[in-house]
Amino acid sequence: FTRRLTSSDFVGFWYSWSRISFATVS
């Protein structure tokens, strides 16, 4: 899922706690 994200997926608003979510995946 993360590999296939494109620039169009990054331009929108993301909740700031999503940053912790990526570390949770690691």
PDB file of all heavy atoms in Angstrom:
ATOM      1  N   PHE A   1       0.831  -1.205   0.000  1.00  0.00           N
ATOM      2  CA  PHE A   1       0.000   0.000   0.000  1.00  0.00           C
ATOM      3  C   PHE A   1       0.868   1.258   0.000  1.00  0.00           C
ATOM      4  O   PHE A   1       0.645   2.190  -0.772  1.00  0.00           O
ATOM      5  CB  PHE A   1      -0.913  -0.035   1.232  1.00  0.00           C
ATOM      6  CG  PHE A   1      -1.774   1.188   1.407  1.00  0.00           C
ATOM      7  CD1 PHE A   1      -3.026   1.267   0.824  1.00  0.00           C
ATOM      8  CD2 PHE A   1      -1.341   2.251   2.179  1.00  0.00           C
ATOM      9  CE1 PHE A   1      -3.820   2.388   0.995  1.00  0.00           C
ATOM     10  CE2 PHE A   1      -2.123   3.378   2.359  1.00  0.00           C
ATOM     11  CZ  PHE A   1      -3.370   3.442   1.761  1.00  0.00           C
ATOM     12  N   THR A   2       1.864   1.285   0.865  1.00  0.00           N
ATOM     13  CA  THR A   2       2.716   2.462   0.984  1.00  0.00           C
ATOM     14  C   THR A   2       3.588   2.631  -0.247  1.00  0.00           C
ATOM     15  O   THR A   2       3.859   3.756  -0.682  1.00  0.00           O
ATOM     16  CB  THR A   2       3.584   2.357   2.248  1.00  0.00           C
ATOM     17  OG1 THR A   2       2.752   2.084   3.378  1.00  0.00           O
ATOM     18  CG2 THR A   2       4.357   3.634   2.495  1.00  0.00           C
ATOM     19  N   ARG A   3       4.056   1.534  -0.817  1.00  0.00           N
ATOM     20  CA  ARG A   3       4.893   1.616  -2.012  1.00  0.00           C
ATOM     21  C   ARG A   3       4.134   2.254  -3.164  1.00  0.00           C
ATOM     22  O   ARG A   3       4.719   2.992  -3.964  1.00  0.00           O
ATOM     23  CB  ARG A   3       5.374   0.224  -2.418  1.00  0.00           C
ATOM     24  CG  ARG A   3       6.216   0.235  -3.702  1.00  0.00           C
ATOM     25  CD  ARG A   3       6.485  -1.150  -4.224  1.00  0.00           C
ATOM     26  NE  ARG A   3       7.288  -1.936  -3.296  1.00  0.00           N
ATOM     27  CZ  ARG A   3       6.881  -3.054  -2.695  1.00  0.00           C
ATOM     28  NH1 ARG A   3       5.633  -3.495  -2.920  1.00  0.00           N
ATOM     29  NH2 ARG A   3       7.672  -3.711  -1.873  1.00  0.00           N
ATOM     30  N   ARG A   4       2.837   2.005  -3.274  1.00  0.00           N
ATOM     31  CA  ARG A   4       2.063   2.466  -4.421  1.00  0.00           C
ATOM     32  C   ARG A   4       1.467   3.863  -4.236  1.00  0.00           C
ATOM     33  O   ARG A   4       0.752   4.340  -5.110  1.00  0.00           O
ATOM     34  CB  ARG A   4       0.947   1.462  -4.731  1.00  0.00           C
ATOM     35  CG  ARG A   4       1.482   0.108  -5.167  1.00  0.00           C
ATOM     36  CD  ARG A   4       0.358  -0.892  -5.379  1.00  0.00           C
ATOM     37  NE  ARG A   4       0.884  -2.186  -5.755  1.00  0.00           N
ATOM     38  CZ  ARG A   4       1.145  -2.575  -7.007  1.00  0.00           C
ATOM     39  NH1 ARG A   4       0.956  -1.730  -7.995  1.00  0.00           N
ATOM     40  NH2 ARG A   4       1.613  -3.770  -7.252  1.00  0.00           N
ATOM     41  N   LEU A   5       1.720   4.487  -3.101  1.00  0.00           N
ATOM     42  CA  LEU A   5       1.264   5.861  -2.931  1.00  0.00           C
ATOM     43  C   LEU A   5       1.993   6.772  -3.912  1.00  0.00           C
ATOM     44  O   LEU A   5       3.195   6.632  -4.134  1.00  0.00           O
ATOM     45  CB  LEU A   5       1.515   6.338  -1.495  1.00  0.00           C
ATOM     46  CG  LEU A   5       0.733   5.632  -0.385  1.00  0.00           C
ATOM     47  CD1 LEU A   5       1.116   6.198   0.972  1.00  0.00           C
ATOM     48  CD2 LEU A   5      -0.770   5.751  -0.604  1.00  0.00           C
ATOM     49  N   THR A   6       1.252   7.697  -4.466  1.00  0.00           N
ATOM     50  CA  THR A   6       1.823   8.624  -5.441  1.00  0.00           C
ATOM     51  C   THR A   6       1.710  10.057  -4.923  1.00  0.00           C
ATOM     52  O   THR A   6       1.144  10.314  -3.860  1.00  0.00           O
ATOM     53  CB  THR A   6       1.103   8.504  -6.791  1.00  0.00           C
ATOM     54  OG1 THR A   6      -0.264   8.914  -6.635  1.00  0.00           O
ATOM     55  CG2 THR A   6       1.146   7.070  -7.301  1.00  0.00           C
ATOM     56  N   SER A   7       2.229  10.983  -5.701  1.00  0.00           N
ATOM     57  CA  SER A   7       2.205  12.385  -5.287  1.00  0.00           C
ATOM     58  C   SER A   7       0.790  12.884  -5.066  1.00  0.00           C
ATOM     59  O   SER A   7       0.547  13.748  -4.213  1.00  0.00           O
ATOM     60  CB  SER A   7       2.912  13.249  -6.331  1.00  0.00           C
ATOM     61  OG  SER A   7       2.297  13.097  -7.597  1.00  0.00           O
ATOM     62  N   SER A   8      -0.182  12.347  -5.810  1.00  0.00           N
ATOM     63  CA  SER A   8      -1.566  12.786  -5.628  1.00  0.00           C
ATOM     64  C   SER A   8      -2.106  12.387  -4.263  1.00  0.00           C
ATOM     65  O   SER A   8      -3.046  13.004  -3.761  1.00  0.00           O
ATOM     66  CB  SER A   8      -2.458  12.196  -6.729  1.00  0.00           C
ATOM     67  OG  SER A   8      -2.475  10.780  -6.655  1.00  0.00           O
ATOM     68  N   ASP A   9      -1.523  11.354  -3.663  1.00  0.00           N
ATOM     69  CA  ASP A   9      -1.952  10.926  -2.333  1.00  0.00           C
ATOM     70  C   ASP A   9      -1.300  11.746  -1.234  1.00  0.00           C
ATOM     71  O   ASP A   9      -1.782  11.771  -0.101  1.00  0.00           O
ATOM     72  CB  ASP A   9      -1.614   9.448  -2.117  1.00  0.00           C
ATOM     73  CG  ASP A   9      -2.303   8.547  -3.108  1.00  0.00           C
ATOM     74  OD1 ASP A   9      -3.541   8.514  -3.100  1.00  0.00           O
ATOM     75  OD2 ASP A   9      -1.606   7.895  -3.900  1.00  0.00           O
ATOM     76  N   PHE A  10      -0.220  12.420  -1.537  1.00  0.00           N
ATOM     77  CA  PHE A  10       0.504  13.184  -0.522  1.00  0.00           C
ATOM     78  C   PHE A  10       0.071  14.643  -0.452  1.00  0.00           C
ATOM     79  O   PHE A  10       0.414  15.330   0.512  1.00  0.00           O
ATOM     80  CB  PHE A  10       2.015  13.135  -0.798  1.00  0.00           C
ATOM     81  CG  PHE A  10       2.593  11.746  -0.763  1.00  0.00           C
ATOM     82  CD1 PHE A  10       3.637  11.398  -1.606  1.00  0.00           C
ATOM     83  CD2 PHE A  10       2.098  10.787   0.101  1.00  0.00           C
ATOM     84  CE1 PHE A  10       4.173  10.120  -1.588  1.00  0.00           C
ATOM     85  CE2 PHE A  10       2.622   9.506   0.134  1.00  0.00           C
ATOM     86  CZ  PHE A  10       3.661   9.167  -0.716  1.00  0.00           C
ATOM     87  N   VAL A  11      -0.638  15.123  -1.471  1.00  0.00           N
ATOM     88  CA  VAL A  11      -0.949  16.548  -1.508  1.00  0.00           C
ATOM     89  C   VAL A  11      -2.077  16.918  -0.558  1.00  0.00           C
ATOM     90  O   VAL A  11      -2.246  18.082  -0.211  1.00  0.00           O
ATOM     91  CB  VAL A  11      -1.321  16.994  -2.935  1.00  0.00           C
ATOM     92  CG1 VAL A  11      -0.150  16.798  -3.867  1.00  0.00           C
ATOM     93  CG2 VAL A  11      -2.559  16.261  -3.443  1.00  0.00           C
ATOM     94  N   GLY A  12      -2.889  15.962  -0.133  1.00  0.00           N
ATOM     95  CA  GLY A  12      -4.014  16.277   0.725  1.00  0.00           C
ATOM     96  C   GLY A  12      -3.616  16.420   2.180  1.00  0.00           C
ATOM     97  O   GLY A  12      -2.450  16.321   2.560  1.00  0.00           O
ATOM     98  N   PHE A  13      -4.614  16.691   3.004  1.00  0.00           N
ATOM     99  CA  PHE A  13      -4.393  16.844   4.434  1.00  0.00           C
ATOM    100  C   PHE A  13      -4.297  15.473   5.087  1.00  0.00           C
ATOM    101  O   PHE A  13      -5.160  14.617   4.904  1.00  0.00           O
ATOM    102  CB  PHE A  13      -5.545  17.644   5.053  1.00  0.00           C
ATOM    103  CG  PHE A  13      -5.437  17.788   6.548  1.00  0.00           C
ATOM    104  CD1 PHE A  13      -4.711  18.827   7.101  1.00  0.00           C
ATOM    105  CD2 PHE A  13      -6.062  16.889   7.395  1.00  0.00           C
ATOM    106  CE1 PHE A  13      -4.607  18.970   8.471  1.00  0.00           C
ATOM    107  CE2 PHE A  13      -5.968  17.023   8.769  1.00  0.00           C
ATOM    108  CZ  PHE A  13      -5.238  18.059   9.307  1.00  0.00           C
ATOM    109  N   TRP A  14      -3.238  15.265   5.840  1.00  0.00           N
ATOM    110  CA  TRP A  14      -3.059  14.047   6.628  1.00  0.00           C
ATOM    111  C   TRP A  14      -3.045  14.438   8.106  1.00  0.00           C
ATOM    112  O   TRP A  14      -2.446  15.443   8.494  1.00  0.00           O
ATOM    113  CB  TRP A  14      -1.743  13.352   6.278  1.00  0.00           C
ATOM    114  CG  TRP A  14      -1.772  12.602   4.983  1.00  0.00           C
ATOM    115  CD1 TRP A  14      -1.893  13.135   3.731  1.00  0.00           C
ATOM    116  CD2 TRP A  14      -1.661  11.186   4.801  1.00  0.00           C
ATOM    117  NE1 TRP A  14      -1.855  12.144   2.782  1.00  0.00           N
ATOM    118  CE2 TRP A  14      -1.719  10.927   3.413  1.00  0.00           C
ATOM    119  CE3 TRP A  14      -1.513  10.106   5.668  1.00  0.00           C
ATOM    120  CZ2 TRP A  14      -1.641   9.652   2.881  1.00  0.00           C
ATOM    121  CZ3 TRP A  14      -1.429   8.825   5.144  1.00  0.00           C
ATOM    122  CH2 TRP A  14      -1.494   8.597   3.764  1.00  0.00           C
ATOM    123  N   TYR A  15      -3.699  13.642   8.926  1.00  0.00           N
ATOM    124  CA  TYR A  15      -3.677  13.894  10.367  1.00  0.00           C
ATOM    125  C   TYR A  15      -2.253  13.739  10.888  1.00  0.00           C
ATOM    126  O   TYR A  15      -1.520  12.838  10.470  1.00  0.00           O
ATOM    127  CB  TYR A  15      -4.620  12.935  11.089  1.00  0.00           C
ATOM    128  CG  TYR A  15      -6.049  13.044  10.624  1.00  0.00           C
ATOM    129  CD1 TYR A  15      -6.566  12.185   9.651  1.00  0.00           C
ATOM    130  CD2 TYR A  15      -6.887  14.032  11.139  1.00  0.00           C
ATOM    131  CE1 TYR A  15      -7.867  12.296   9.216  1.00  0.00           C
ATOM    132  CE2 TYR A  15      -8.197  14.145  10.706  1.00  0.00           C
ATOM    133  CZ  TYR A  15      -8.688  13.279   9.744  1.00  0.00           C
ATOM    134  OH  TYR A  15      -9.977  13.390   9.298  1.00  0.00           O
ATOM    135  N   SER A  16      -1.873  14.603  11.800  1.00  0.00           N
ATOM    136  CA  SER A  16      -0.480  14.605  12.266  1.00  0.00           C
ATOM    137  C   SER A  16      -0.104  13.312  12.969  1.00  0.00           C
ATOM    138  O   SER A  16       1.069  12.932  12.983  1.00  0.00           O
ATOM    139  CB  SER A  16      -0.244  15.799  13.197  1.00  0.00           C
ATOM    140  OG  SER A  16      -1.066  15.726  14.346  1.00  0.00           O
ATOM    141  N   TRP A  17      -1.086  12.601  13.546  1.00  0.00           N
ATOM    142  CA  TRP A  17      -0.745  11.336  14.202  1.00  0.00           C
ATOM    143  C   TRP A  17      -0.428  10.227  13.198  1.00  0.00           C
ATOM    144  O   TRP A  17       0.027   9.147  13.606  1.00  0.00           O
ATOM    145  CB  TRP A  17      -1.854  10.889  15.151  1.00  0.00           C
ATOM    146  CG  TRP A  17      -3.263  11.040  14.676  1.00  0.00           C
ATOM    147  CD1 TRP A  17      -4.151  12.017  15.025  1.00  0.00           C
ATOM    148  CD2 TRP A  17      -3.968  10.179  13.765  1.00  0.00           C
ATOM    149  NE1 TRP A  17      -5.357  11.833  14.392  1.00  0.00           N
ATOM    150  CE2 TRP A  17      -5.276  10.703  13.619  1.00  0.00           C
ATOM    151  CE3 TRP A  17      -3.638   9.022  13.068  1.00  0.00           C
ATOM    152  CZ2 TRP A  17      -6.233  10.112  12.796  1.00  0.00           C
ATOM    153  CZ3 TRP A  17      -4.593   8.428  12.245  1.00  0.00           C
ATOM    154  CH2 TRP A  17      -5.866   8.973  12.126  1.00  0.00           C
ATOM    155  N   SER A  18      -0.641  10.457  11.915  1.00  0.00           N
ATOM    156  CA  SER A  18      -0.238   9.461  10.911  1.00  0.00           C
ATOM    157  C   SER A  18       1.268   9.237  10.944  1.00  0.00           C
ATOM    158  O   SER A  18       1.757   8.157  10.597  1.00  0.00           O
ATOM    159  CB  SER A  18      -0.666   9.918   9.513  1.00  0.00           C
ATOM    160  OG  SER A  18      -2.067  10.073   9.424  1.00  0.00           O
ATOM    161  N   ARG A  19       2.005  10.256  11.362  1.00  0.00           N
ATOM    162  CA  ARG A  19       3.463  10.133  11.469  1.00  0.00           C
ATOM    163  C   ARG A  19       3.840   9.024  12.451  1.00  0.00           C
ATOM    164  O   ARG A  19       4.753   8.225  12.189  1.00  0.00           O
ATOM    165  CB  ARG A  19       4.035  11.475  11.939  1.00  0.00           C
ATOM    166  CG  ARG A  19       5.518  11.639  11.814  1.00  0.00           C
ATOM    167  CD  ARG A  19       5.901  13.070  12.141  1.00  0.00           C
ATOM    168  NE  ARG A  19       5.622  13.397  13.524  1.00  0.00           N
ATOM    169  CZ  ARG A  19       6.520  13.295  14.503  1.00  0.00           C
ATOM    170  NH1 ARG A  19       7.743  12.881  14.234  1.00  0.00           N
ATOM    171  NH2 ARG A  19       6.204  13.618  15.743  1.00  0.00           N
ATOM    172  N   ILE A  20       3.129   8.944  13.573  1.00  0.00           N
ATOM    173  CA  ILE A  20       3.389   7.883  14.544  1.00  0.00           C
ATOM    174  C   ILE A  20       2.975   6.532  13.969  1.00  0.00           C
ATOM    175  O   ILE A  20       3.584   5.505  14.276  1.00  0.00           O
ATOM    176  CB  ILE A  20       2.640   8.171  15.856  1.00  0.00           C
ATOM    177  CG1 ILE A  20       2.868   9.607  16.303  1.00  0.00           C
ATOM    178  CG2 ILE A  20       3.055   7.208  16.949  1.00  0.00           C
ATOM    179  CD1 ILE A  20       2.032  10.017  17.501  1.00  0.00           C
ATOM    180  N   SER A  21       1.955   6.535  13.120  1.00  0.00           N
ATOM    181  CA  SER A  21       1.475   5.274  12.544  1.00  0.00           C
ATOM    182  C   SER A  21       2.542   4.618  11.676  1.00  0.00           C
ATOM    183  O   SER A  21       2.700   3.389  11.693  1.00  0.00           O
ATOM    184  CB  SER A  21       0.208   5.530  11.726  1.00  0.00           C
ATOM    185  OG  SER A  21      -0.818   6.062  12.539  1.00  0.00           O
ATOM    186  N   PHE A  22       3.276   5.401  10.899  1.00  0.00           N
ATOM    187  CA  PHE A  22       4.334   4.815  10.074  1.00  0.00           C
ATOM    188  C   PHE A  22       5.427   4.196  10.948  1.00  0.00           C
ATOM    189  O   PHE A  22       5.986   3.151  10.603  1.00  0.00           O
ATOM    190  CB  PHE A  22       4.920   5.872   9.141  1.00  0.00           C
ATOM    191  CG  PHE A  22       4.036   6.225   7.980  1.00  0.00           C
ATOM    192  CD1 PHE A  22       3.339   7.423   7.953  1.00  0.00           C
ATOM    193  CD2 PHE A  22       3.887   5.347   6.919  1.00  0.00           C
ATOM    194  CE1 PHE A  22       2.521   7.753   6.891  1.00  0.00           C
ATOM    195  CE2 PHE A  22       3.065   5.663   5.844  1.00  0.00           C
ATOM    196  CZ  PHE A  22       2.376   6.869   5.837  1.00  0.00           C
ATOM    197  N   ALA A  23       5.751   4.833  12.073  1.00  0.00           N
ATOM    198  CA  ALA A  23       6.722   4.238  12.993  1.00  0.00           C
ATOM    199  C   ALA A  23       6.166   2.973  13.618  1.00  0.00           C
ATOM    200  O   ALA A  23       6.911   2.013  13.895  1.00  0.00           O
ATOM    201  CB  ALA A  23       7.096   5.249  14.080  1.00  0.00           C
ATOM    202  N   THR A  24       4.846   2.915  13.844  1.00  0.00           N
ATOM    203  CA  THR A  24       4.214   1.713  14.391  1.00  0.00           C
ATOM    204  C   THR A  24       4.354   0.543  13.426  1.00  0.00           C
ATOM    205  O   THR A  24       4.547  -0.603  13.844  1.00  0.00           O
ATOM    206  CB  THR A  24       2.730   1.998  14.682  1.00  0.00           C
ATOM    207  OG1 THR A  24       2.628   3.095  15.604  1.00  0.00           O
ATOM    208  CG2 THR A  24       2.053   0.780  15.277  1.00  0.00           C
ATOM    209  N   VAL A  25       4.249   0.812  12.132  1.00  0.00           N
ATOM    210  CA  VAL A  25       4.440  -0.253  11.138  1.00  0.00           C
ATOM    211  C   VAL A  25       5.866  -0.794  11.215  1.00  0.00           C
ATOM    212  O   VAL A  25       6.085  -2.013  11.166  1.00  0.00           O
ATOM    213  CB  VAL A  25       4.125   0.273   9.726  1.00  0.00           C
ATOM    214  CG1 VAL A  25       4.382  -0.818   8.688  1.00  0.00           C
ATOM    215  CG2 VAL A  25       2.684   0.757   9.643  1.00  0.00           C
ATOM    216  N   SER A  26       6.854   0.080  11.330  1.00  0.00           N
ATOM    217  CA  SER A  26       8.246  -0.373  11.452  1.00  0.00           C
ATOM    218  C   SER A  26       8.408  -1.299  12.645  1.00  0.00           C
ATOM    219  O   SER A  26       9.068  -2.350  12.568  1.00  0.00           O
ATOM    220  CB  SER A  26       9.177   0.839  11.592  1.00  0.00           C
ATOM    221  OG  SER A  26       9.124   1.668  10.447  1.00  0.00           O
TER     222      SER A  26
END
